[in-house]
Structure formats: structure tokens, C-alpha cells
Amino acid sequence: MEKWKTSQKNFFGPKIDTFAPPTRLIMKKIVFFSLFAAALYSCGGNAEKEAERKKREADSLARLEQARKDSMEKAMAAARKNIVETALADPNFSTLTALLEQAGLTATLKDSTKNFTVFAPTNTAFEALGQAELEKLKKDTKRLRDVLLYHVVEGKRMAADVNSTPEFMAMNGKKISVSKSEAGTMVANALITTADLDCSNGVIHVVNAVMTDKQAPSPKSGSSGKKETSSVSQPAPAPTPTPAGPKTTEQKIQEKMGGARENQIEQKVQEKMSGKRENQAEQKVQEKMKRNNP
């Protein structure tokens, strides 16, 4: 009895005279520790919930960012023009676009499911063929299609890819050789003047000549040194007489040397003549002196 009263005094405060059975003390301790455990559990549960909430927020932000990037890429792709639209927007390709339409290749190069690399000759490049040759090309659709397809390669080949590849297979089944020169990168017989015009279905590289799979003939000795460029392998027309062009450096040197020789000869003749005159004058003076002094 006294033991439980003391425990009651020490544990619950002031001493009381009533008897507190052990069951009551045990129940209070159980309730106390239960509340304490619940508080600890609650704190741990809140931390786990907070971590889970932050993870959900991070996942949601990541999905939104990816959706934004996808939307921007689609918008940029829609804003870029395809190969034909890009060529139509540049007046320097008006001849090329007209020939593509005539050959029935416009729809091919508009295809958004494939990528193409086009080596695009400018209007000046087509003019270099000559009006007669260009008209022949326009009248022969099969030949025109073959010439144009030699300028197209399947796949998107940027300038770095072109420079690192020795040759490509054109869409007409013929190989395009790639070489380097002092001026830049050569594809077949044409020089790339502007590279990497990015399009939604490929890329355009501007070239300064109509490409041909035939090597340009080397100039013969005694010729003017000019190269003939042709997009098709046709017999060359008979040469027509042309007016004399500007003199070459060698001719100018020879003329100067010839003139110098003539001047030297003339000077020698003049020296001889002046020497003779002096001799004649001296002889006359001596003759007069002899006459005056017999």
C-alpha cells in the first residue's frame, strides 16, 4: 500500500491517501508512450510525404520541359522550308526550279518523309552551257532528268560530311567524285561556293557549274588555255574562227625582246654612220691642212 502511494506521489505529484491500483498507472504509461510513438510516426510520415511530393513536382516539370522542347522543334521544322521552297525563294535558282518542274522532280524534292542533298547550280552556271545546249536539254526530258538527278544525293550530307567522303552515289546511279582545290571543295567538275543551306527535308550546297560525270578535257598546247564545261557527253561542235584575243604574256615578252633587238641594231647602224662621218670630216680637215701647208 505505502509503496503504491509513494509511486503515485512521485509520478503524479502531490501525495494522496486513496489507493491507486497498478493497472491505472500502467494504462497511463501505455497512453503516454502511444502518443509519443504516434508523434514520431507522424513526423516520419510527413517527411516521406514531402519527399514524394517534391519528386512528383520534379517529374511534372521534366514532362512539361520535354513537351516545350518538342513543340519548339516542331515549330522550327514547320518554319523551315523544304528544298524546292528554299530554291524558289532565291532568284539565283530560277533556272534550276524551272528545269526541276519540267523534269517532274519537284514532288520528289518536296517529300517530307525523306532527306536529300542537292548540289544546286545557279543561273550563271546554266548560262555557261550556252543557249543552244540549254534548249537541247529542255527538249530531251529523259536526258534532262538524268542531268538533274546527278546533282541529288539521298540523305542529308552537310559540308563536313562532303569534305570527309571521297565520293557519293547520285540518284541517277552515277558516282560523284569529291576533291580539294585551292579554291575549296570540288564535286565532280563544280566548286561549292556556298554550303549548308538547311532545309526541312535536307540541305542545299550551291555550286558554280552544271555537274557532269565526265572529266573536263585538259587544254592542248598552243590553245588559249580555256576549259570547256558541259553537262552532257555530246560531240563537240566544230570550232569556229574567232577574232584574235588579247596577247599573251609570252607574246608581249617576245615583242619587247624583238623591239630591243631592233633598237640595238639601229643604234649600231647609227654608231657606224656617225663614225664614218667623223672619219670623213677628219680626212677633209687633214686635206685642207695639207693644201695650206705644201
Protein backbone atom coordinates (compact mmCIF):
# COMPACT_ATOMS: atom_id res chain seq x y z
CA MET A 1 0.00 0.00 0.00
CA GLU A 2 2.65 2.54 1.01
CA LYS A 3 4.74 1.60 -1.99
CA TRP A 4 1.98 2.42 -4.44
CA LYS A 5 1.13 5.62 -2.65
CA THR A 6 4.78 6.77 -2.91
CA SER A 7 4.91 5.88 -6.55
CA GLN A 8 1.71 7.77 -7.02
CA LYS A 9 3.20 10.78 -5.26
CA ASN A 10 6.48 10.71 -7.22
CA PHE A 11 4.83 10.09 -10.53
CA PHE A 12 1.63 12.12 -10.41
CA GLY A 13 2.51 14.91 -8.00
CA PRO A 14 1.02 15.53 -4.51
CA LYS A 15 0.55 12.66 -2.16
CA ILE A 16 -2.95 11.29 -1.94
CA ASP A 17 -4.48 8.98 0.60
CA THR A 18 -6.55 6.97 -1.85
CA PHE A 19 -5.20 3.72 -3.14
CA ALA A 20 -4.14 3.70 -6.88
CA PRO A 21 -4.06 0.17 -8.25
CA PRO A 22 -1.16 -0.76 -10.60
CA THR A 23 -3.49 -1.12 -13.61
CA ARG A 24 -4.22 2.59 -13.68
CA LEU A 25 -0.52 3.52 -13.72
CA ILE A 26 0.22 1.05 -16.44
CA MET A 27 -2.62 2.36 -18.59
CA LYS A 28 -1.39 5.92 -18.25
CA LYS A 29 2.13 4.89 -19.24
CA ILE A 30 0.78 2.99 -22.22
CA VAL A 31 -1.24 6.01 -23.34
CA PHE A 32 1.79 8.29 -22.91
CA PHE A 33 4.13 6.11 -24.92
CA SER A 34 1.45 5.52 -27.56
CA LEU A 35 1.05 9.26 -28.07
CA PHE A 36 4.82 9.67 -28.21
CA ALA A 37 5.16 6.88 -30.78
CA ALA A 38 2.30 8.36 -32.83
CA ALA A 39 4.03 11.73 -32.83
CA LEU A 40 7.29 10.18 -34.02
CA TYR A 41 5.49 8.23 -36.72
CA SER A 42 3.63 11.31 -37.80
CA CYS A 43 6.88 13.24 -38.16
CA GLY A 44 8.45 10.44 -40.21
CA GLY A 45 5.38 10.09 -42.39
CA ASN A 46 5.34 13.81 -43.14
CA ALA A 47 8.96 13.68 -44.26
CA GLU A 48 8.23 10.80 -46.62
CA LYS A 49 5.17 12.58 -48.00
CA GLU A 50 7.19 15.75 -48.56
CA ALA A 51 9.88 13.83 -50.43
CA GLU A 52 7.24 12.11 -52.55
CA ARG A 53 5.56 15.43 -53.29
CA LYS A 54 8.83 17.01 -54.42
CA LYS A 55 9.52 14.03 -56.65
CA ARG A 56 6.11 14.36 -58.28
CA GLU A 57 6.71 18.06 -58.87
CA ALA A 58 10.13 17.38 -60.41
CA ASP A 59 8.66 14.73 -62.72
CA SER A 60 5.89 17.06 -63.73
CA LEU A 61 8.34 19.88 -64.52
CA ALA A 62 10.50 17.49 -66.55
CA ARG A 63 7.50 16.39 -68.63
CA LEU A 64 6.49 20.00 -69.23
CA GLU A 65 10.04 20.94 -70.31
CA GLN A 66 10.21 18.00 -72.73
CA ALA A 67 6.81 18.91 -74.15
CA ARG A 68 8.03 22.50 -74.62
CA LYS A 69 11.17 21.34 -76.44
CA ASP A 70 9.18 19.02 -78.70
CA SER A 71 6.78 21.83 -79.51
CA MET A 72 9.64 24.21 -80.35
CA GLU A 73 11.32 21.63 -82.59
CA LYS A 74 8.08 21.03 -84.44
CA ALA A 75 7.54 24.77 -84.83
CA MET A 76 11.08 25.27 -86.14
CA ALA A 77 10.70 22.37 -88.57
CA ALA A 78 7.43 23.82 -89.80
CA ALA A 79 9.06 27.25 -90.20
CA ARG A 80 11.95 25.82 -92.30
CA LYS A 81 11.17 25.43 -95.98
CA ASN A 82 11.71 22.27 -97.95
CA ILE A 83 14.32 22.09 -100.73
CA VAL A 84 12.01 23.25 -103.51
CA GLU A 85 10.58 26.11 -101.43
CA THR A 86 14.08 27.24 -100.48
CA ALA A 87 15.17 27.23 -104.12
CA LEU A 88 12.04 29.10 -105.22
CA ALA A 89 12.73 31.80 -102.63
CA ASP A 90 16.15 32.54 -104.20
CA PRO A 91 16.08 34.20 -107.66
CA ASN A 92 19.52 32.73 -108.43
CA PHE A 93 17.86 29.30 -108.74
CA SER A 94 15.05 30.27 -111.13
CA THR A 95 16.50 28.20 -113.99
CA LEU A 96 17.02 25.20 -111.72
CA THR A 97 13.47 25.26 -110.33
CA ALA A 98 12.01 25.59 -113.83
CA LEU A 99 14.01 22.59 -115.05
CA LEU A 100 13.04 20.54 -111.96
CA GLU A 101 9.38 21.23 -112.73
CA GLN A 102 9.85 20.30 -116.38
CA ALA A 103 11.61 17.04 -115.45
CA GLY A 104 8.92 16.10 -112.92
CA LEU A 105 11.27 16.17 -109.92
CA THR A 106 9.55 18.87 -107.88
CA ALA A 107 7.31 16.45 -105.99
CA THR A 108 10.31 14.21 -105.22
CA LEU A 109 12.29 17.03 -103.62
CA LYS A 110 9.24 18.19 -101.65
CA ASP A 111 8.86 14.81 -99.94
CA SER A 112 8.96 15.45 -96.17
CA THR A 113 9.49 11.78 -95.30
CA LYS A 114 12.98 11.69 -96.83
CA ASN A 115 16.15 13.78 -96.75
CA PHE A 116 18.14 14.86 -99.80
CA THR A 117 21.38 16.67 -100.53
CA VAL A 118 21.20 18.92 -103.60
CA PHE A 119 24.22 20.45 -105.34
CA ALA A 120 22.38 23.39 -106.88
CA PRO A 121 23.81 25.19 -109.95
CA THR A 122 22.99 28.89 -110.18
CA ASN A 123 21.51 30.63 -113.20
CA THR A 124 25.03 31.69 -114.21
CA ALA A 125 26.13 28.06 -114.19
CA PHE A 126 23.35 27.11 -116.61
CA GLU A 127 24.11 30.13 -118.82
CA ALA A 128 27.69 28.85 -119.17
CA LEU A 129 26.30 25.86 -121.10
CA GLY A 130 25.20 28.15 -123.89
CA GLN A 131 21.67 28.89 -125.02
CA ALA A 132 21.69 26.26 -127.78
CA GLU A 133 22.82 23.46 -125.43
CA LEU A 134 20.30 24.52 -122.79
CA GLU A 135 17.47 24.42 -125.33
CA LYS A 136 18.50 20.92 -126.42
CA LEU A 137 18.48 19.83 -122.79
CA LYS A 138 14.99 21.21 -122.27
CA LYS A 139 13.63 19.33 -125.28
CA ASP A 140 15.01 15.96 -124.13
CA THR A 141 13.17 15.25 -120.86
CA LYS A 142 14.92 11.93 -120.23
CA ARG A 143 18.35 13.46 -120.60
CA LEU A 144 17.31 16.49 -118.54
CA ARG A 145 16.11 14.25 -115.72
CA ASP A 146 19.39 12.31 -115.76
CA VAL A 147 21.45 15.53 -115.61
CA LEU A 148 19.41 16.94 -112.71
CA LEU A 149 19.46 13.69 -110.71
CA TYR A 150 23.26 13.72 -110.94
CA HIS A 151 23.04 16.77 -108.64
CA VAL A 152 20.97 14.95 -105.98
CA VAL A 153 22.17 12.52 -103.28
CA GLU A 154 19.90 10.66 -100.88
CA GLY A 155 20.34 11.63 -97.22
CA LYS A 156 21.36 14.86 -95.56
CA ARG A 157 25.10 15.44 -96.13
CA MET A 158 26.38 18.62 -94.51
CA ALA A 159 29.65 20.25 -95.59
CA ALA A 160 31.65 18.28 -93.02
CA ASP A 161 30.25 15.02 -94.44
CA VAL A 162 31.06 16.07 -98.00
CA ASN A 163 34.63 17.02 -97.11
CA SER A 164 35.26 13.70 -95.36
CA THR A 165 33.86 11.47 -98.14
CA PRO A 166 35.77 10.74 -101.37
CA GLU A 167 32.67 10.10 -103.45
CA PHE A 168 28.86 9.89 -103.36
CA MET A 169 26.32 7.93 -105.34
CA ALA A 170 23.95 10.27 -107.16
CA MET A 171 20.29 9.43 -107.66
CA ASN A 172 20.90 8.71 -111.35
CA GLY A 173 23.20 5.83 -110.35
CA LYS A 174 26.47 7.56 -111.17
CA LYS A 175 29.28 8.43 -108.77
CA ILE A 176 30.14 11.99 -107.77
CA SER A 177 33.83 12.40 -107.01
CA VAL A 178 34.89 14.82 -104.26
CA SER A 179 38.25 16.58 -104.37
CA LYS A 180 40.01 19.57 -102.84
CA SER A 181 41.46 22.56 -104.65
CA GLU A 182 42.95 25.90 -103.66
CA ALA A 183 39.53 27.48 -104.17
CA GLY A 184 37.68 24.94 -101.98
CA THR A 185 35.79 21.65 -102.28
CA MET A 186 35.06 20.30 -105.75
CA VAL A 187 32.19 17.92 -106.52
CA ALA A 188 32.79 16.42 -109.97
CA ASN A 189 33.74 19.47 -112.07
CA ALA A 190 31.94 22.08 -109.91
CA LEU A 191 33.12 24.18 -106.98
CA ILE A 192 30.94 24.52 -103.86
CA THR A 193 30.56 28.27 -103.38
CA THR A 194 28.00 28.24 -100.55
CA ALA A 195 27.39 25.29 -98.23
CA ASP A 196 24.81 24.12 -95.69
CA LEU A 197 21.57 25.85 -96.72
CA ASP A 198 19.47 23.93 -94.20
CA CYS A 199 16.01 22.77 -95.30
CA SER A 200 13.26 20.81 -93.60
CA ASN A 201 13.95 17.75 -95.76
CA GLY A 202 17.66 18.05 -96.45
CA VAL A 203 20.36 20.54 -97.39
CA ILE A 204 21.45 22.60 -100.42
CA HIS A 205 25.06 23.27 -101.45
CA VAL A 206 25.44 25.95 -104.13
CA VAL A 207 27.84 25.09 -107.00
CA ASN A 208 29.26 27.28 -109.76
CA ALA A 209 28.84 24.84 -112.66
CA VAL A 210 26.48 22.23 -114.03
CA MET A 211 27.97 18.94 -112.86
CA THR A 212 28.99 16.16 -115.21
CA ASP A 213 30.45 12.72 -114.57
CA LYS A 214 32.94 13.29 -117.39
CA GLN A 215 36.28 14.89 -116.55
CA ALA A 216 36.84 18.22 -118.22
CA PRO A 217 39.45 17.89 -121.03
CA SER A 218 42.87 19.37 -120.35
CA PRO A 219 43.86 22.29 -122.60
CA LYS A 220 46.09 21.38 -125.57
CA SER A 221 49.44 23.02 -126.27
CA GLY A 222 49.04 26.17 -128.31
CA SER A 223 45.42 26.64 -127.23
CA SER A 224 44.14 29.64 -125.37
CA GLY A 225 44.09 27.65 -122.08
CA LYS A 226 40.34 27.92 -121.51
CA LYS A 227 38.36 24.89 -120.35
CA GLU A 228 35.07 23.89 -121.89
CA THR A 229 32.31 22.94 -119.44
CA SER A 230 29.44 20.73 -120.50
CA SER A 231 26.78 18.91 -118.53
CA VAL A 232 26.33 16.07 -121.05
CA SER A 233 28.63 13.90 -123.13
CA GLN A 234 27.84 15.16 -126.65
CA PRO A 235 30.16 15.58 -129.64
CA ALA A 236 31.81 18.95 -129.53
CA PRO A 237 30.74 21.34 -132.35
CA ALA A 238 33.29 22.23 -134.98
CA PRO A 239 35.44 25.13 -133.84
CA THR A 240 34.59 28.43 -135.44
CA PRO A 241 37.24 31.03 -136.21
CA THR A 242 37.43 33.62 -133.52
CA PRO A 243 38.99 37.06 -133.66
CA ALA A 244 42.44 37.39 -132.23
CA GLY A 245 42.20 37.69 -128.49
CA PRO A 246 44.41 39.65 -126.14
CA LYS A 247 48.13 38.99 -126.44
CA THR A 248 49.65 36.54 -124.03
CA THR A 249 52.46 37.40 -121.68
CA GLU A 250 54.88 35.37 -123.76
CA GLN A 251 53.94 37.28 -126.90
CA LYS A 252 54.40 40.58 -125.13
CA ILE A 253 57.84 39.49 -123.91
CA GLN A 254 58.83 38.40 -127.39
CA GLU A 255 57.66 41.69 -128.82
CA LYS A 256 59.66 43.58 -126.24
CA MET A 257 62.73 41.47 -126.94
CA GLY A 258 62.28 41.95 -130.67
CA GLY A 259 61.89 45.68 -130.19
CA ALA A 260 65.02 45.76 -128.04
CA ARG A 261 66.97 43.91 -130.71
CA GLU A 262 65.77 46.31 -133.37
CA ASN A 263 66.82 49.22 -131.19
CA GLN A 264 70.24 47.69 -130.69
CA ILE A 265 70.72 47.15 -134.43
CA GLU A 266 69.56 50.67 -135.15
CA GLN A 267 71.97 52.05 -132.56
CA LYS A 268 74.84 50.09 -134.10
CA VAL A 269 73.98 51.36 -137.56
CA GLN A 270 73.80 54.90 -136.25
CA GLU A 271 77.14 54.47 -134.47
CA LYS A 272 78.76 53.18 -137.64
CA MET A 273 77.29 56.03 -139.65
CA SER A 274 78.38 58.61 -137.11
CA GLY A 275 81.86 57.01 -137.03
CA LYS A 276 82.11 57.23 -140.81
CA ARG A 277 81.03 60.86 -140.76
CA GLU A 278 83.65 61.67 -138.18
CA ASN A 279 86.31 59.95 -140.22
CA GLN A 280 85.23 61.78 -143.33
CA ALA A 281 85.26 65.14 -141.53
CA GLU A 282 88.72 64.40 -140.12
CA GLN A 283 90.02 63.46 -143.55
CA LYS A 284 88.70 66.71 -145.01
CA VAL A 285 90.40 68.73 -142.28
CA GLN A 286 93.69 66.97 -142.92
CA GLU A 287 93.41 67.56 -146.66
CA LYS A 288 92.82 71.30 -146.11
CA MET A 289 95.77 71.47 -143.79
CA LYS A 290 97.98 69.81 -146.41
CA ARG A 291 96.83 72.26 -149.02
CA ASN A 292 97.51 75.25 -146.81
CA ASN A 293 100.95 73.91 -145.84
CA PRO A 294 102.55 72.45 -149.02
